[in-house]
N, C-alpha and C. Protein backbone atom coordinates (compact mmCIF):
# COMPACT_ATOMS: atom_id res chain seq x y z
N MET A 1 0.84 -1.15 0.00
CA MET A 1 0.00 0.00 0.00
C MET A 1 0.90 1.23 0.00
N LYS A 2 0.46 2.26 -0.67
CA LYS A 2 1.16 3.54 -0.69
C LYS A 2 0.18 4.61 -0.25
N LEU A 3 0.63 5.45 0.67
CA LEU A 3 -0.19 6.55 1.17
C LEU A 3 0.55 7.85 0.86
N THR A 4 -0.13 8.76 0.21
CA THR A 4 0.44 10.07 -0.08
C THR A 4 -0.37 11.11 0.67
N VAL A 5 0.32 11.92 1.45
CA VAL A 5 -0.33 13.00 2.20
C VAL A 5 0.11 14.32 1.60
N THR A 6 -0.83 15.12 1.17
CA THR A 6 -0.55 16.44 0.63
C THR A 6 -1.29 17.46 1.48
N HIS A 7 -0.52 18.36 2.05
CA HIS A 7 -1.10 19.37 2.94
C HIS A 7 -0.68 20.72 2.37
N THR A 8 -1.63 21.52 1.93
CA THR A 8 -1.32 22.78 1.25
C THR A 8 -2.13 23.94 1.83
N ASN A 9 -1.89 25.14 1.27
CA ASN A 9 -2.63 26.35 1.62
C ASN A 9 -2.48 26.77 3.09
N PHE A 10 -1.24 26.85 3.55
CA PHE A 10 -0.97 27.28 4.91
C PHE A 10 -1.03 28.80 4.99
N ALA A 11 -1.50 29.30 6.10
CA ALA A 11 -1.60 30.74 6.29
C ALA A 11 -0.23 31.41 6.34
N ASP A 12 0.77 30.70 6.92
CA ASP A 12 2.13 31.25 6.97
C ASP A 12 3.13 30.11 7.13
N SER A 13 4.41 30.43 6.98
CA SER A 13 5.43 29.39 7.03
C SER A 13 5.59 28.80 8.43
N GLY A 14 5.32 29.60 9.47
CA GLY A 14 5.39 29.07 10.83
C GLY A 14 4.38 27.96 11.07
N LEU A 15 3.19 28.16 10.58
CA LEU A 15 2.15 27.13 10.70
C LEU A 15 2.57 25.88 9.94
N ARG A 16 3.09 26.07 8.73
CA ARG A 16 3.54 24.94 7.92
C ARG A 16 4.62 24.14 8.65
N THR A 17 5.58 24.84 9.25
CA THR A 17 6.66 24.17 9.97
C THR A 17 6.12 23.36 11.15
N GLY A 18 5.22 23.95 11.90
CA GLY A 18 4.65 23.25 13.04
C GLY A 18 3.88 22.00 12.65
N ILE A 19 3.08 22.12 11.63
CA ILE A 19 2.30 20.97 11.18
C ILE A 19 3.20 19.90 10.59
N ALA A 20 4.23 20.30 9.86
CA ALA A 20 5.16 19.34 9.25
C ALA A 20 5.85 18.49 10.30
N LYS A 21 6.10 19.04 11.47
CA LYS A 21 6.73 18.28 12.54
C LYS A 21 5.80 17.22 13.12
N GLY A 22 4.50 17.42 13.00
CA GLY A 22 3.55 16.46 13.55
C GLY A 22 3.27 15.26 12.66
N TRP A 23 3.43 15.44 11.35
CA TRP A 23 3.10 14.35 10.43
C TRP A 23 3.88 13.07 10.66
N PRO A 24 5.20 13.11 10.93
CA PRO A 24 5.90 11.84 11.15
C PRO A 24 5.30 11.03 12.30
N ALA A 25 4.90 11.69 13.37
CA ALA A 25 4.29 10.98 14.50
C ALA A 25 2.94 10.39 14.10
N VAL A 26 2.14 11.14 13.39
CA VAL A 26 0.83 10.65 12.96
C VAL A 26 0.99 9.43 12.06
N LEU A 27 1.88 9.51 11.10
CA LEU A 27 2.07 8.41 10.15
C LEU A 27 2.72 7.20 10.81
N ALA A 28 3.64 7.42 11.75
CA ALA A 28 4.23 6.30 12.48
C ALA A 28 3.17 5.57 13.29
N GLY A 29 2.28 6.34 13.91
CA GLY A 29 1.20 5.73 14.67
C GLY A 29 0.25 4.93 13.79
N LEU A 30 -0.06 5.46 12.63
CA LEU A 30 -0.93 4.74 11.69
C LEU A 30 -0.26 3.45 11.22
N LYS A 31 1.01 3.53 10.89
CA LYS A 31 1.75 2.35 10.43
C LYS A 31 1.76 1.27 11.51
N SER A 32 2.07 1.67 12.74
CA SER A 32 2.10 0.72 13.85
C SER A 32 0.74 0.07 14.06
N TYR A 33 -0.30 0.88 14.03
CA TYR A 33 -1.65 0.35 14.23
C TYR A 33 -2.04 -0.64 13.13
N LEU A 34 -1.72 -0.31 11.90
CA LEU A 34 -2.08 -1.20 10.79
C LEU A 34 -1.29 -2.50 10.83
N GLU A 35 -0.04 -2.44 11.28
CA GLU A 35 0.80 -3.63 11.32
C GLU A 35 0.53 -4.52 12.53
N THR A 36 0.19 -3.90 13.67
CA THR A 36 0.10 -4.68 14.90
C THR A 36 -1.27 -4.66 15.55
N GLY A 37 -2.11 -3.70 15.18
CA GLY A 37 -3.39 -3.54 15.84
C GLY A 37 -3.27 -2.81 17.17
N GLN A 38 -2.07 -2.32 17.48
CA GLN A 38 -1.81 -1.62 18.74
C GLN A 38 -1.38 -0.20 18.43
N ALA A 39 -1.88 0.73 19.20
CA ALA A 39 -1.45 2.12 19.05
C ALA A 39 -0.07 2.29 19.66
N LEU A 40 0.69 3.26 19.16
CA LEU A 40 1.97 3.58 19.76
C LEU A 40 1.74 4.20 21.13
N PRO A 41 2.68 4.01 22.06
CA PRO A 41 2.52 4.64 23.37
C PRO A 41 2.56 6.16 23.26
N ALA A 42 1.96 6.84 24.20
CA ALA A 42 1.87 8.30 24.17
C ALA A 42 3.24 8.96 24.08
N GLU A 43 4.27 8.34 24.66
CA GLU A 43 5.62 8.92 24.63
C GLU A 43 6.14 9.07 23.21
N SER A 44 5.68 8.26 22.28
CA SER A 44 6.17 8.33 20.92
C SER A 44 5.75 9.64 20.24
N TRP A 45 4.73 10.31 20.78
CA TRP A 45 4.31 11.59 20.22
C TRP A 45 5.32 12.70 20.50
N ASP A 46 6.26 12.42 21.41
CA ASP A 46 7.28 13.42 21.72
C ASP A 46 8.15 13.75 20.52
N MET A 47 8.24 12.84 19.53
CA MET A 47 9.05 13.12 18.34
C MET A 47 8.49 14.31 17.56
N ALA A 48 7.24 14.62 17.76
CA ALA A 48 6.63 15.73 17.02
C ALA A 48 6.96 17.07 17.66
N VAL A 49 7.42 17.05 18.88
CA VAL A 49 7.67 18.29 19.59
C VAL A 49 9.05 18.86 19.29
N GLY A 50 10.04 17.99 19.05
CA GLY A 50 11.43 18.41 18.88
C GLY A 50 11.73 19.30 17.79
């Protein structure tokens, strides 16, 4: 399966940067759930903050 996420029309570059940092965590969680049926632990969301 291939998933393409396109996120456009940001109000400013700061918003774009913030949202871009969150996508890896969202997609990692989705991948984990689809592969194992288990959600990632809450601590894994910390990767979106850095």
